[in-house]
Amino acid sequence: MAEIIQAPVIGSKNVTGTNYSGTAAKVYFTKKIDAESLIKLYKMINENIYGKVGIKLHTGEKNGPNILPRDMVQAFQAQVPNSKIVECNTLYKGDRYTTEGHRETLKVNGWTFCDVDIMDEDEKTVDFPVRNGFHLKYVSMGAHLADYDSLIVLTHFKGHAMGGFGGSMKNIGIGNASGHKGKAQVHGLGVTVPENYLEWPMKEVFMELMCDSANATCNYFGKHIVFINVMRRMSVDCDCAGITAAEPTMADIGICASTDILAVDQACADMVYAAHDSHDLKERIETRAGLRQLSAMAEAKLGNPQYELINVD
């Protein structure tokens, strides 16, 4: 039987600075990081997943050491009828900048067990509106995103060079935006993209732009979107760093799953902050103003910062 446990102590410290009252979202948690546990958690939140299903995964640069295990994702995808992994090309000129390069990278990294839909293939985009956004009125997504009835956001929770951390919000806020047009919008850039990413807008403004983009995806799918964060090999660097990603300096924690995007990212951040060995990741989060991701989502009413952590082990 699932056990409702007290949220980690850090939750009462309220890392977002947001006052909350009333109801709490449900976040299901397991310390076990394997296919069986991943599928178990998914079955607790999948009531409204139907039809053609996209699995939004960060497939990573070539040979990245920290990406989610292929065998685990393969076993999971096999349990979701009519599903595909979905991705978009990148704004930076790495292994996935072009569709051709992206497809080669998918082969190198072993994402060959199912179709992978590069949603902005041939530079095709579709504009998703942003409701009451901080900065954006719409975001240009990969055109194929509109072909899906439901979306599973399967995220490797870890650090990020610009965002501080990458959870569910970053996965869709950046990941669903088309590689060149949409990602330039989400990074607050115009037509000309500076080669040096340190010249791009950073900190609070960037977090708010990501929130706007996640807002557009969440509003499009409504109840037909769920969020799973895997807290494994949590480097301070994103999987977009590829083989140059820093070696993780903290232990794995487990998997969280929810129908609430803010609650699932909040719970993971709280557990990171509660961990005794998380100094490096906390430093990465705070030097990038990463907690603004959480407070921005709360202000945008994308979810509930208050949650029940339900241990299913």
C-alpha atoms as a PDB file:
ATOM      1  CA  MET A   1       0.000   0.000   0.000  1.00  0.00           C
ATOM      2  CA  ALA A   2       1.261   3.453  -0.847  1.00  0.00           C
ATOM      3  CA  GLU A   3       2.358   5.413   2.189  1.00  0.00           C
ATOM      4  CA  ILE A   4       1.836   9.163   2.495  1.00  0.00           C
ATOM      5  CA  ILE A   5       4.924  10.555   4.139  1.00  0.00           C
ATOM      6  CA  GLN A   6       5.924  13.973   5.351  1.00  0.00           C
ATOM      7  CA  ALA A   7       7.564  16.092   2.673  1.00  0.00           C
ATOM      8  CA  PRO A   8      11.292  16.605   3.254  1.00  0.00           C
ATOM      9  CA  VAL A   9      12.190  19.132   5.922  1.00  0.00           C
ATOM     10  CA  ILE A  10      13.386  21.578   3.297  1.00  0.00           C
ATOM     11  CA  GLY A  11       9.803  21.783   2.033  1.00  0.00           C
ATOM     12  CA  SER A  12       8.817  23.649   5.180  1.00  0.00           C
ATOM     13  CA  LYS A  13      11.678  26.054   4.529  1.00  0.00           C
ATOM     14  CA  ASN A  14       9.953  26.903   1.239  1.00  0.00           C
ATOM     15  CA  VAL A  15      12.798  27.407  -1.229  1.00  0.00           C
ATOM     16  CA  THR A  16      10.560  29.321  -3.640  1.00  0.00           C
ATOM     17  CA  GLY A  17       9.576  32.058  -1.191  1.00  0.00           C
ATOM     18  CA  THR A  18       5.939  31.492  -2.221  1.00  0.00           C
ATOM     19  CA  ASN A  19       3.273  31.360   0.480  1.00  0.00           C
ATOM     20  CA  TYR A  20       0.907  28.484  -0.069  1.00  0.00           C
ATOM     21  CA  SER A  21      -2.285  27.291   1.545  1.00  0.00           C
ATOM     22  CA  GLY A  22      -5.169  24.989   0.766  1.00  0.00           C
ATOM     23  CA  THR A  23      -4.868  21.785  -1.238  1.00  0.00           C
ATOM     24  CA  ALA A  24      -1.742  19.819  -2.063  1.00  0.00           C
ATOM     25  CA  ALA A  25      -0.783  18.043  -5.279  1.00  0.00           C
ATOM     26  CA  LYS A  26       0.146  14.365  -5.194  1.00  0.00           C
ATOM     27  CA  VAL A  27       3.733  13.442  -6.026  1.00  0.00           C
ATOM     28  CA  TYR A  28       4.502   9.724  -6.125  1.00  0.00           C
ATOM     29  CA  PHE A  29       8.042   8.721  -5.162  1.00  0.00           C
ATOM     30  CA  THR A  30      10.277   5.670  -5.230  1.00  0.00           C
ATOM     31  CA  LYS A  31      13.937   5.287  -4.327  1.00  0.00           C
ATOM     32  CA  LYS A  32      14.241   2.476  -6.882  1.00  0.00           C
ATOM     33  CA  ILE A  33      15.478   3.594 -10.293  1.00  0.00           C
ATOM     34  CA  ASP A  34      14.586   0.828 -12.721  1.00  0.00           C
ATOM     35  CA  ALA A  35      12.040   0.047 -15.422  1.00  0.00           C
ATOM     36  CA  GLU A  36       9.632  -1.713 -13.065  1.00  0.00           C
ATOM     37  CA  SER A  37       9.474   1.260 -10.699  1.00  0.00           C
ATOM     38  CA  LEU A  38       9.177   3.755 -13.549  1.00  0.00           C
ATOM     39  CA  ILE A  39       6.223   1.869 -15.008  1.00  0.00           C
ATOM     40  CA  LYS A  40       4.659   1.489 -11.551  1.00  0.00           C
ATOM     41  CA  LEU A  41       4.703   5.244 -10.965  1.00  0.00           C
ATOM     42  CA  TYR A  42       3.415   5.997 -14.455  1.00  0.00           C
ATOM     43  CA  LYS A  43       0.376   3.758 -13.913  1.00  0.00           C
ATOM     44  CA  MET A  44      -0.542   5.899 -10.902  1.00  0.00           C
ATOM     45  CA  ILE A  45      -0.811   9.080 -12.990  1.00  0.00           C
ATOM     46  CA  ASN A  46      -1.824   7.952 -16.483  1.00  0.00           C
ATOM     47  CA  GLU A  47      -5.613   8.135 -16.185  1.00  0.00           C
ATOM     48  CA  ASN A  48      -5.896  10.895 -18.796  1.00  0.00           C
ATOM     49  CA  ILE A  49      -3.219   9.699 -21.206  1.00  0.00           C
ATOM     50  CA  TYR A  50      -4.850   8.458 -24.394  1.00  0.00           C
ATOM     51  CA  GLY A  51      -4.602   8.366 -28.181  1.00  0.00           C
ATOM     52  CA  LYS A  52      -1.333   9.243 -29.898  1.00  0.00           C
ATOM     53  CA  VAL A  53       1.229   9.764 -27.153  1.00  0.00           C
ATOM     54  CA  GLY A  54       4.502  11.691 -27.291  1.00  0.00           C
ATOM     55  CA  ILE A  55       7.226  10.862 -24.776  1.00  0.00           C
ATOM     56  CA  LYS A  56       9.298  14.034 -24.365  1.00  0.00           C
ATOM     57  CA  LEU A  57      12.773  12.839 -23.553  1.00  0.00           C
ATOM     58  CA  HIS A  58      16.119  14.629 -23.538  1.00  0.00           C
ATOM     59  CA  THR A  59      18.030  12.197 -25.769  1.00  0.00           C
ATOM     60  CA  GLY A  60      21.359  13.996 -25.225  1.00  0.00           C
ATOM     61  CA  GLU A  61      24.507  14.750 -27.173  1.00  0.00           C
ATOM     62  CA  LYS A  62      26.649  11.868 -28.449  1.00  0.00           C
ATOM     63  CA  ASN A  63      27.855   9.415 -25.805  1.00  0.00           C
ATOM     64  CA  GLY A  64      26.696  11.534 -22.880  1.00  0.00           C
ATOM     65  CA  PRO A  65      27.498   9.604 -19.685  1.00  0.00           C
ATOM     66  CA  ASN A  66      24.446  10.696 -17.701  1.00  0.00           C
ATOM     67  CA  ILE A  67      21.459  10.253 -20.031  1.00  0.00           C
ATOM     68  CA  LEU A  68      18.672   7.975 -18.862  1.00  0.00           C
ATOM     69  CA  PRO A  69      19.404   4.264 -19.409  1.00  0.00           C
ATOM     70  CA  ARG A  70      18.154   3.138 -22.811  1.00  0.00           C
ATOM     71  CA  ASP A  71      16.950  -0.248 -21.547  1.00  0.00           C
ATOM     72  CA  MET A  72      14.817   1.428 -18.865  1.00  0.00           C
ATOM     73  CA  VAL A  73      13.264   3.853 -21.352  1.00  0.00           C
ATOM     74  CA  GLN A  74      12.714   1.053 -23.885  1.00  0.00           C
ATOM     75  CA  ALA A  75      10.827  -1.054 -21.348  1.00  0.00           C
ATOM     76  CA  PHE A  76       8.763   1.980 -20.370  1.00  0.00           C
ATOM     77  CA  GLN A  77       7.909   2.985 -23.944  1.00  0.00           C
ATOM     78  CA  ALA A  78       6.776  -0.574 -24.691  1.00  0.00           C
ATOM     79  CA  GLN A  79       4.078  -0.152 -22.005  1.00  0.00           C
ATOM     80  CA  VAL A  80       2.607   2.958 -23.682  1.00  0.00           C
ATOM     81  CA  PRO A  81       0.543   2.056 -26.759  1.00  0.00           C
ATOM     82  CA  ASN A  82       0.811   4.281 -29.847  1.00  0.00           C
ATOM     83  CA  SER A  83       3.752   6.226 -28.405  1.00  0.00           C
ATOM     84  CA  LYS A  84       6.902   7.804 -29.811  1.00  0.00           C
ATOM     85  CA  ILE A  85       9.833   9.665 -28.327  1.00  0.00           C
ATOM     86  CA  VAL A  86       9.591  13.313 -29.374  1.00  0.00           C
ATOM     87  CA  GLU A  87      12.416  15.847 -29.633  1.00  0.00           C
ATOM     88  CA  CYS A  88      13.409  19.069 -31.393  1.00  0.00           C
ATOM     89  CA  ASN A  89      16.689  20.291 -32.813  1.00  0.00           C
ATOM     90  CA  THR A  90      18.944  22.609 -30.818  1.00  0.00           C
ATOM     91  CA  LEU A  91      19.764  26.296 -31.027  1.00  0.00           C
ATOM     92  CA  TYR A  92      23.437  25.772 -30.196  1.00  0.00           C
ATOM     93  CA  LYS A  93      25.606  24.187 -32.901  1.00  0.00           C
ATOM     94  CA  GLY A  94      26.128  20.758 -31.388  1.00  0.00           C
ATOM     95  CA  ASP A  95      25.346  17.199 -32.432  1.00  0.00           C
ATOM     96  CA  ARG A  96      21.613  17.904 -32.764  1.00  0.00           C
ATOM     97  CA  TYR A  97      21.664  21.292 -34.515  1.00  0.00           C
ATOM     98  CA  THR A  98      20.425  19.817 -37.804  1.00  0.00           C
ATOM     99  CA  THR A  99      17.915  17.023 -38.347  1.00  0.00           C
ATOM    100  CA  GLU A 100      20.568  14.954 -40.128  1.00  0.00           C
ATOM    101  CA  GLY A 101      23.017  15.354 -37.259  1.00  0.00           C
ATOM    102  CA  HIS A 102      20.266  14.744 -34.732  1.00  0.00           C
ATOM    103  CA  ARG A 103      19.292  11.429 -36.323  1.00  0.00           C
ATOM    104  CA  GLU A 104      22.909  10.274 -36.303  1.00  0.00           C
ATOM    105  CA  THR A 105      23.172  11.220 -32.623  1.00  0.00           C
ATOM    106  CA  LEU A 106      20.035   9.243 -31.826  1.00  0.00           C
ATOM    107  CA  LYS A 107      21.676   6.162 -33.369  1.00  0.00           C
ATOM    108  CA  VAL A 108      24.919   6.676 -31.460  1.00  0.00           C
ATOM    109  CA  ASN A 109      23.035   6.998 -28.169  1.00  0.00           C
ATOM    110  CA  GLY A 110      20.880   3.934 -28.797  1.00  0.00           C
ATOM    111  CA  TRP A 111      17.483   5.573 -29.257  1.00  0.00           C
ATOM    112  CA  THR A 112      16.613   3.099 -32.005  1.00  0.00           C
ATOM    113  CA  PHE A 113      14.011   0.880 -30.356  1.00  0.00           C
ATOM    114  CA  CYS A 114      11.061   3.061 -31.411  1.00  0.00           C
ATOM    115  CA  ASP A 115      10.314   5.921 -33.754  1.00  0.00           C
ATOM    116  CA  VAL A 116      11.773   9.246 -32.651  1.00  0.00           C
ATOM    117  CA  ASP A 117       9.824  12.198 -33.991  1.00  0.00           C
ATOM    118  CA  ILE A 118      12.035  15.237 -34.564  1.00  0.00           C
ATOM    119  CA  MET A 119       9.101  17.594 -34.351  1.00  0.00           C
ATOM    120  CA  ASP A 120      10.717  20.545 -36.124  1.00  0.00           C
ATOM    121  CA  GLU A 121      12.072  18.499 -39.002  1.00  0.00           C
ATOM    122  CA  ASP A 122      12.349  20.654 -42.164  1.00  0.00           C
ATOM    123  CA  GLU A 123      12.116  23.762 -39.952  1.00  0.00           C
ATOM    124  CA  LYS A 124       8.344  23.337 -39.625  1.00  0.00           C
ATOM    125  CA  THR A 125       6.813  25.094 -36.614  1.00  0.00           C
ATOM    126  CA  VAL A 126       3.444  25.784 -35.032  1.00  0.00           C
ATOM    127  CA  ASP A 127       2.702  28.727 -32.726  1.00  0.00           C
ATOM    128  CA  PHE A 128       1.274  27.846 -29.326  1.00  0.00           C
ATOM    129  CA  PRO A 129      -0.263  30.774 -27.402  1.00  0.00           C
ATOM    130  CA  VAL A 130       0.992  31.739 -23.942  1.00  0.00           C
ATOM    131  CA  ARG A 131      -1.690  32.743 -21.434  1.00  0.00           C
ATOM    132  CA  ASN A 132      -0.744  35.782 -19.348  1.00  0.00           C
ATOM    133  CA  GLY A 133       2.951  35.202 -19.907  1.00  0.00           C
ATOM    134  CA  PHE A 134       5.814  37.076 -18.301  1.00  0.00           C
ATOM    135  CA  HIS A 135       7.364  38.011 -21.655  1.00  0.00           C
ATOM    136  CA  LEU A 136       5.969  35.971 -24.553  1.00  0.00           C
ATOM    137  CA  LYS A 137       2.596  35.924 -26.327  1.00  0.00           C
ATOM    138  CA  TYR A 138       3.314  32.712 -28.225  1.00  0.00           C
ATOM    139  CA  VAL A 139       6.092  30.183 -28.744  1.00  0.00           C
ATOM    140  CA  SER A 140       7.009  28.465 -32.011  1.00  0.00           C
ATOM    141  CA  MET A 141       6.985  24.760 -31.225  1.00  0.00           C
ATOM    142  CA  GLY A 142       8.067  21.862 -33.398  1.00  0.00           C
ATOM    143  CA  ALA A 143       5.108  21.498 -35.769  1.00  0.00           C
ATOM    144  CA  HIS A 144       4.524  17.808 -35.003  1.00  0.00           C
ATOM    145  CA  LEU A 145       3.749  18.540 -31.339  1.00  0.00           C
ATOM    146  CA  ALA A 146       0.202  19.403 -32.396  1.00  0.00           C
ATOM    147  CA  ASP A 147      -0.193  15.875 -33.822  1.00  0.00           C
ATOM    148  CA  TYR A 148      -0.250  14.303 -30.346  1.00  0.00           C
ATOM    149  CA  ASP A 149      -3.247  13.755 -28.077  1.00  0.00           C
ATOM    150  CA  SER A 150      -1.180  13.311 -24.906  1.00  0.00           C
ATOM    151  CA  LEU A 151       2.324  14.001 -23.667  1.00  0.00           C
ATOM    152  CA  ILE A 152       4.497  12.167 -21.138  1.00  0.00           C
ATOM    153  CA  VAL A 153       7.337  14.372 -19.918  1.00  0.00           C
ATOM    154  CA  LEU A 154      10.088  11.915 -18.965  1.00  0.00           C
ATOM    155  CA  THR A 155      12.934  13.943 -17.530  1.00  0.00           C
ATOM    156  CA  HIS A 156      16.442  13.341 -16.279  1.00  0.00           C
ATOM    157  CA  PHE A 157      16.541  15.749 -13.329  1.00  0.00           C
ATOM    158  CA  LYS A 158      20.019  17.308 -13.108  1.00  0.00           C
ATOM    159  CA  GLY A 159      21.894  20.589 -13.192  1.00  0.00           C
ATOM    160  CA  HIS A 160      22.000  22.994 -16.117  1.00  0.00           C
ATOM    161  CA  ALA A 161      24.556  25.592 -17.203  1.00  0.00           C
ATOM    162  CA  MET A 162      21.963  28.344 -17.704  1.00  0.00           C
ATOM    163  CA  GLY A 163      18.863  27.142 -15.859  1.00  0.00           C
ATOM    164  CA  GLY A 164      20.581  25.992 -12.676  1.00  0.00           C
ATOM    165  CA  PHE A 165      18.651  22.752 -12.869  1.00  0.00           C
ATOM    166  CA  GLY A 166      16.716  20.921 -15.525  1.00  0.00           C
ATOM    167  CA  GLY A 167      13.443  19.338 -14.495  1.00  0.00           C
ATOM    168  CA  SER A 168      10.090  18.879 -16.195  1.00  0.00           C
ATOM    169  CA  MET A 169       9.643  22.592 -16.839  1.00  0.00           C
ATOM    170  CA  LYS A 170      12.969  22.886 -18.629  1.00  0.00           C
ATOM    171  CA  ASN A 171      12.333  19.671 -20.584  1.00  0.00           C
ATOM    172  CA  ILE A 172       9.237  21.100 -22.265  1.00  0.00           C
ATOM    173  CA  GLY A 173      10.011  24.803 -21.903  1.00  0.00           C
ATOM    174  CA  ILE A 174      13.152  24.460 -24.013  1.00  0.00           C
ATOM    175  CA  GLY A 175      12.714  21.018 -25.519  1.00  0.00           C
ATOM    176  CA  ASN A 176       9.407  21.506 -27.344  1.00  0.00           C
ATOM    177  CA  ALA A 177      10.404  24.854 -28.859  1.00  0.00           C
ATOM    178  CA  SER A 178      11.565  24.568 -32.454  1.00  0.00           C
ATOM    179  CA  GLY A 179      15.326  24.375 -32.748  1.00  0.00           C
ATOM    180  CA  HIS A 180      16.020  27.750 -34.214  1.00  0.00           C
ATOM    181  CA  LYS A 181      12.981  30.032 -34.111  1.00  0.00           C
ATOM    182  CA  GLY A 182      11.279  28.804 -30.923  1.00  0.00           C
ATOM    183  CA  LYS A 183      14.416  28.280 -28.885  1.00  0.00           C
ATOM    184  CA  ALA A 184      15.596  31.785 -29.828  1.00  0.00           C
ATOM    185  CA  GLN A 185      12.309  33.103 -28.409  1.00  0.00           C
ATOM    186  CA  VAL A 186      12.688  31.129 -25.206  1.00  0.00           C
ATOM    187  CA  HIS A 187      16.257  32.356 -24.796  1.00  0.00           C
ATOM    188  CA  GLY A 188      15.104  35.946 -25.307  1.00  0.00           C
ATOM    189  CA  LEU A 189      17.061  36.360 -28.538  1.00  0.00           C
ATOM    190  CA  GLY A 190      16.330  38.024 -31.847  1.00  0.00           C
ATOM    191  CA  VAL A 191      17.235  36.865 -35.341  1.00  0.00           C
ATOM    192  CA  THR A 192      20.978  37.107 -34.632  1.00  0.00           C
ATOM    193  CA  VAL A 193      22.125  34.576 -32.051  1.00  0.00           C
ATOM    194  CA  PRO A 194      25.419  35.407 -30.276  1.00  0.00           C
ATOM    195  CA  GLU A 195      27.938  32.552 -30.611  1.00  0.00           C
ATOM    196  CA  ASN A 196      28.870  32.919 -26.941  1.00  0.00           C
ATOM    197  CA  TYR A 197      25.919  31.755 -24.858  1.00  0.00           C
ATOM    198  CA  LEU A 198      27.185  33.891 -21.963  1.00  0.00           C
ATOM    199  CA  GLU A 199      25.872  36.852 -23.958  1.00  0.00           C
ATOM    200  CA  TRP A 200      22.335  35.427 -23.897  1.00  0.00           C
ATOM    201  CA  PRO A 201      19.774  36.665 -21.303  1.00  0.00           C
ATOM    202  CA  MET A 202      20.302  34.826 -18.033  1.00  0.00           C
ATOM    203  CA  LYS A 203      18.973  34.281 -14.538  1.00  0.00           C
ATOM    204  CA  GLU A 204      15.430  35.420 -13.644  1.00  0.00           C
ATOM    205  CA  VAL A 205      14.478  36.559 -17.154  1.00  0.00           C
ATOM    206  CA  PHE A 206      15.502  33.230 -18.666  1.00  0.00           C
ATOM    207  CA  MET A 207      13.530  31.279 -16.049  1.00  0.00           C
ATOM    208  CA  GLU A 208      10.439  33.366 -16.822  1.00  0.00           C
ATOM    209  CA  LEU A 209      10.857  32.784 -20.554  1.00  0.00           C
ATOM    210  CA  MET A 210      11.076  29.026 -19.967  1.00  0.00           C
ATOM    211  CA  CYS A 211       7.959  29.245 -17.827  1.00  0.00           C
ATOM    212  CA  ASP A 212       6.110  31.019 -20.634  1.00  0.00           C
ATOM    213  CA  SER A 213       6.994  28.208 -23.019  1.00  0.00           C
ATOM    214  CA  ALA A 214       6.028  25.467 -20.551  1.00  0.00           C
ATOM    215  CA  ASN A 215       2.788  27.384 -19.988  1.00  0.00           C
ATOM    216  CA  ALA A 216       2.009  27.103 -23.723  1.00  0.00           C
ATOM    217  CA  THR A 217       2.567  23.327 -23.798  1.00  0.00           C
ATOM    218  CA  CYS A 218       0.650  22.668 -20.566  1.00  0.00           C
ATOM    219  CA  ASN A 219      -2.319  24.727 -21.697  1.00  0.00           C
ATOM    220  CA  TYR A 220      -2.395  22.928 -25.030  1.00  0.00           C
ATOM    221  CA  PHE A 221      -2.513  19.438 -23.520  1.00  0.00           C
ATOM    222  CA  GLY A 222      -4.628  20.315 -20.477  1.00  0.00           C
ATOM    223  CA  LYS A 223      -5.211  17.177 -18.401  1.00  0.00           C
ATOM    224  CA  HIS A 224      -3.508  14.982 -20.973  1.00  0.00           C
ATOM    225  CA  ILE A 225       0.057  15.582 -19.801  1.00  0.00           C
ATOM    226  CA  VAL A 226       2.038  13.949 -16.981  1.00  0.00           C
ATOM    227  CA  PHE A 227       5.486  14.489 -15.515  1.00  0.00           C
ATOM    228  CA  ILE A 228       8.157  12.017 -14.373  1.00  0.00           C
ATOM    229  CA  ASN A 229      11.538  13.158 -13.021  1.00  0.00           C
ATOM    230  CA  VAL A 230      14.374  10.647 -12.637  1.00  0.00           C
ATOM    231  CA  MET A 231      16.915  11.827 -10.057  1.00  0.00           C
ATOM    232  CA  ARG A 232      19.864   9.763 -11.236  1.00  0.00           C
ATOM    233  CA  ARG A 233      23.455  10.802 -12.030  1.00  0.00           C
ATOM    234  CA  MET A 234      22.699  14.408 -11.188  1.00  0.00           C
ATOM    235  CA  SER A 235      25.648  16.230 -12.673  1.00  0.00           C
ATOM    236  CA  VAL A 236      25.739  20.012 -12.401  1.00  0.00           C
ATOM    237  CA  ASP A 237      25.662  19.894 -16.209  1.00  0.00           C
ATOM    238  CA  CYS A 238      22.826  19.081 -18.578  1.00  0.00           C
ATOM    239  CA  ASP A 239      22.882  16.162 -21.017  1.00  0.00           C
ATOM    240  CA  CYS A 240      23.413  18.799 -23.714  1.00  0.00           C
ATOM    241  CA  ALA A 241      27.015  18.943 -22.424  1.00  0.00           C
ATOM    242  CA  GLY A 242      27.646  15.439 -23.776  1.00  0.00           C
ATOM    243  CA  ILE A 243      30.958  13.869 -22.841  1.00  0.00           C
ATOM    244  CA  THR A 244      32.154  17.110 -21.217  1.00  0.00           C
ATOM    245  CA  ALA A 245      29.501  16.925 -18.479  1.00  0.00           C
ATOM    246  CA  ALA A 246      30.921  17.018 -14.975  1.00  0.00           C
ATOM    247  CA  GLU A 247      30.899  13.783 -13.003  1.00  0.00           C
ATOM    248  CA  PRO A 248      28.030  13.775 -10.457  1.00  0.00           C
ATOM    249  CA  THR A 249      29.119  14.489  -6.896  1.00  0.00           C
ATOM    250  CA  MET A 250      25.913  13.462  -5.139  1.00  0.00           C
ATOM    251  CA  ALA A 251      24.092  10.173  -4.767  1.00  0.00           C
ATOM    252  CA  ASP A 252      21.036   9.171  -6.773  1.00  0.00           C
ATOM    253  CA  ILE A 253      17.714   9.876  -5.033  1.00  0.00           C
ATOM    254  CA  GLY A 254      14.905   8.168  -6.942  1.00  0.00           C
ATOM    255  CA  ILE A 255      11.950   8.894  -9.232  1.00  0.00           C
ATOM    256  CA  CYS A 256       9.061  11.348  -8.773  1.00  0.00           C
ATOM    257  CA  ALA A 257       5.844  11.368 -10.816  1.00  0.00           C
ATOM    258  CA  SER A 258       2.865  13.720 -10.823  1.00  0.00           C
ATOM    259  CA  THR A 259       0.173  15.294 -12.949  1.00  0.00           C
ATOM    260  CA  ASP A 260       1.391  18.651 -11.576  1.00  0.00           C
ATOM    261  CA  ILE A 261       4.489  20.173 -13.216  1.00  0.00           C
ATOM    262  CA  LEU A 262       5.318  22.540 -10.377  1.00  0.00           C
ATOM    263  CA  ALA A 263       4.799  19.967  -7.641  1.00  0.00           C
ATOM    264  CA  VAL A 264       7.085  17.417  -9.296  1.00  0.00           C
ATOM    265  CA  ASP A 265       9.914  19.926  -9.849  1.00  0.00           C
ATOM    266  CA  GLN A 266       9.381  21.418  -6.386  1.00  0.00           C
ATOM    267  CA  ALA A 267       9.581  17.988  -4.752  1.00  0.00           C
ATOM    268  CA  CYS A 268      12.801  17.144  -6.571  1.00  0.00           C
ATOM    269  CA  ALA A 269      14.380  20.492  -5.695  1.00  0.00           C
ATOM    270  CA  ASP A 270      13.363  20.002  -2.057  1.00  0.00           C
ATOM    271  CA  MET A 271      14.978  16.558  -1.971  1.00  0.00           C
ATOM    272  CA  VAL A 272      18.162  17.921  -3.507  1.00  0.00           C
ATOM    273  CA  TYR A 273      18.251  20.664  -0.886  1.00  0.00           C
ATOM    274  CA  ALA A 274      17.675  18.108   1.877  1.00  0.00           C
ATOM    275  CA  ALA A 275      20.519  15.853   0.707  1.00  0.00           C
ATOM    276  CA  HIS A 276      23.791  16.077   2.632  1.00  0.00           C
ATOM    277  CA  ASP A 277      25.955  15.731  -0.500  1.00  0.00           C
ATOM    278  CA  SER A 278      24.239  18.251  -2.794  1.00  0.00           C
ATOM    279  CA  HIS A 279      26.538  21.254  -2.293  1.00  0.00           C
ATOM    280  CA  ASP A 280      27.686  21.399  -5.919  1.00  0.00           C
ATOM    281  CA  LEU A 281      24.218  21.111  -7.428  1.00  0.00           C
ATOM    282  CA  LYS A 282      22.767  23.647  -4.973  1.00  0.00           C
ATOM    283  CA  GLU A 283      25.561  26.047  -5.863  1.00  0.00           C
ATOM    284  CA  ARG A 284      24.799  25.585  -9.569  1.00  0.00           C
ATOM    285  CA  ILE A 285      21.098  26.248  -8.948  1.00  0.00           C
ATOM    286  CA  GLU A 286      21.655  29.356  -6.860  1.00  0.00           C
ATOM    287  CA  THR A 287      24.349  30.975  -9.023  1.00  0.00           C
ATOM    288  CA  ARG A 288      21.937  30.779 -11.969  1.00  0.00           C
ATOM    289  CA  ALA A 289      18.841  31.908 -10.021  1.00  0.00           C
ATOM    290  CA  GLY A 290      17.353  28.500 -10.813  1.00  0.00           C
ATOM    291  CA  LEU A 291      14.759  28.611  -8.044  1.00  0.00           C
ATOM    292  CA  ARG A 292      13.023  31.333 -10.050  1.00  0.00           C
ATOM    293  CA  GLN A 293      11.746  28.448 -12.199  1.00  0.00           C
ATOM    294  CA  LEU A 294       9.626  27.330  -9.254  1.00  0.00           C
ATOM    295  CA  SER A 295       8.351  30.706  -8.110  1.00  0.00           C
ATOM    296  CA  ALA A 296       7.571  31.681 -11.725  1.00  0.00           C
ATOM    297  CA  MET A 297       5.444  28.567 -12.190  1.00  0.00           C
ATOM    298  CA  ALA A 298       3.624  29.343  -8.942  1.00  0.00           C
ATOM    299  CA  GLU A 299       2.924  32.917 -10.063  1.00  0.00           C
ATOM    300  CA  ALA A 300       1.759  31.678 -13.460  1.00  0.00           C
ATOM    301  CA  LYS A 301      -0.527  29.168 -11.710  1.00  0.00           C
ATOM    302  CA  LEU A 302       0.971  26.284 -13.667  1.00  0.00           C
ATOM    303  CA  GLY A 303       0.750  24.067 -10.609  1.00  0.00           C
ATOM    304  CA  ASN A 304       0.778  23.755  -6.849  1.00  0.00           C
ATOM    305  CA  PRO A 305       3.989  24.276  -4.834  1.00  0.00           C
ATOM    306  CA  GLN A 306       2.443  22.357  -1.929  1.00  0.00           C
ATOM    307  CA  TYR A 307       2.476  18.598  -2.309  1.00  0.00           C
ATOM    308  CA  GLU A 308       2.064  15.263  -0.573  1.00  0.00           C
ATOM    309  CA  LEU A 309       5.047  13.013  -1.219  1.00  0.00           C
ATOM    310  CA  ILE A 310       3.632   9.503  -1.511  1.00  0.00           C
ATOM    311  CA  ASN A 311       6.234   6.773  -1.134  1.00  0.00           C
ATOM    312  CA  VAL A 312       5.265   3.674  -3.129  1.00  0.00           C
ATOM    313  CA  ASP A 313       8.181   1.450  -2.038  1.00  0.00           C
END
